[in-house]
Amino acid sequence: MSNSRNQKVSKHLRWFPKETIYESNVDHNFKTSRFKQRRIHSSPSDFWIPVELAPLLQSKISKYGSLKKVLHVLLEEKRNRLHSLFRLSKYEKTLYQSKGLDLMRFSFRPDSADWAELRLAARYYGVSICRFFVMLLSLLNEKKEEHKDQFSYKREKFGIVLVQKIFQDRNRISFSIFLNSSLINRKRRRPGKI
């Protein structure tokens, strides 16, 4: 029995009930009325974004309709590649954004699942939630600026593409290697020239 007292159980599951129907007495004639009460599952949150990235974020908000959807799309796009995009933090404390930055506030109500995933990833990499979102947003900015040059340069220089996928159940990782056709043709020509 003493062992069970020393053990701590930690559950990280949140159950969100659907719309609940309540009955209430309207008057003394036992007439009942039914009404639905809808719970809001997300609480308001704020992102503090550097002013330089605000136009990019506003363009994404106008494209997807809301900051809630922008966050969802960012997580969907980068979910399987986070480990290759960011280094694991060596520090035990959380790193925040620099003090001298000129920041803009963006308020929204995120989905609870997206917010939990963002919070977990930010903790894993040792940064605050706002800083992690800014890091994801800055990746979009870099991708936008260097998209064409970067891909043509990589293909010409390396010729090999490695794709790594982590499955949703997190128990398998798959790797795929693709060779550029010009690299294969060069290898075939070399033995004939020797």
Foldseek 3Di string as FASTA:
>chain_A
DVVVVPDDDDDDDDDDDAWDKDWDQDDPVRDIDIDTDGDDPFDKDKAWEFPVLVVVQVVVCVVQVHVQVVLVVLCVVCVFPPPVLAPADPDQAAAEDDPPGDIDMDMDTHDPVSVVVLCVSSNRRRYHSNVSVNSSSVVVVVCVVCVPVVVVVCCVPPQKDKDWGQDPVRPDIDIDIDGHPVVVVVVVVVVVVD
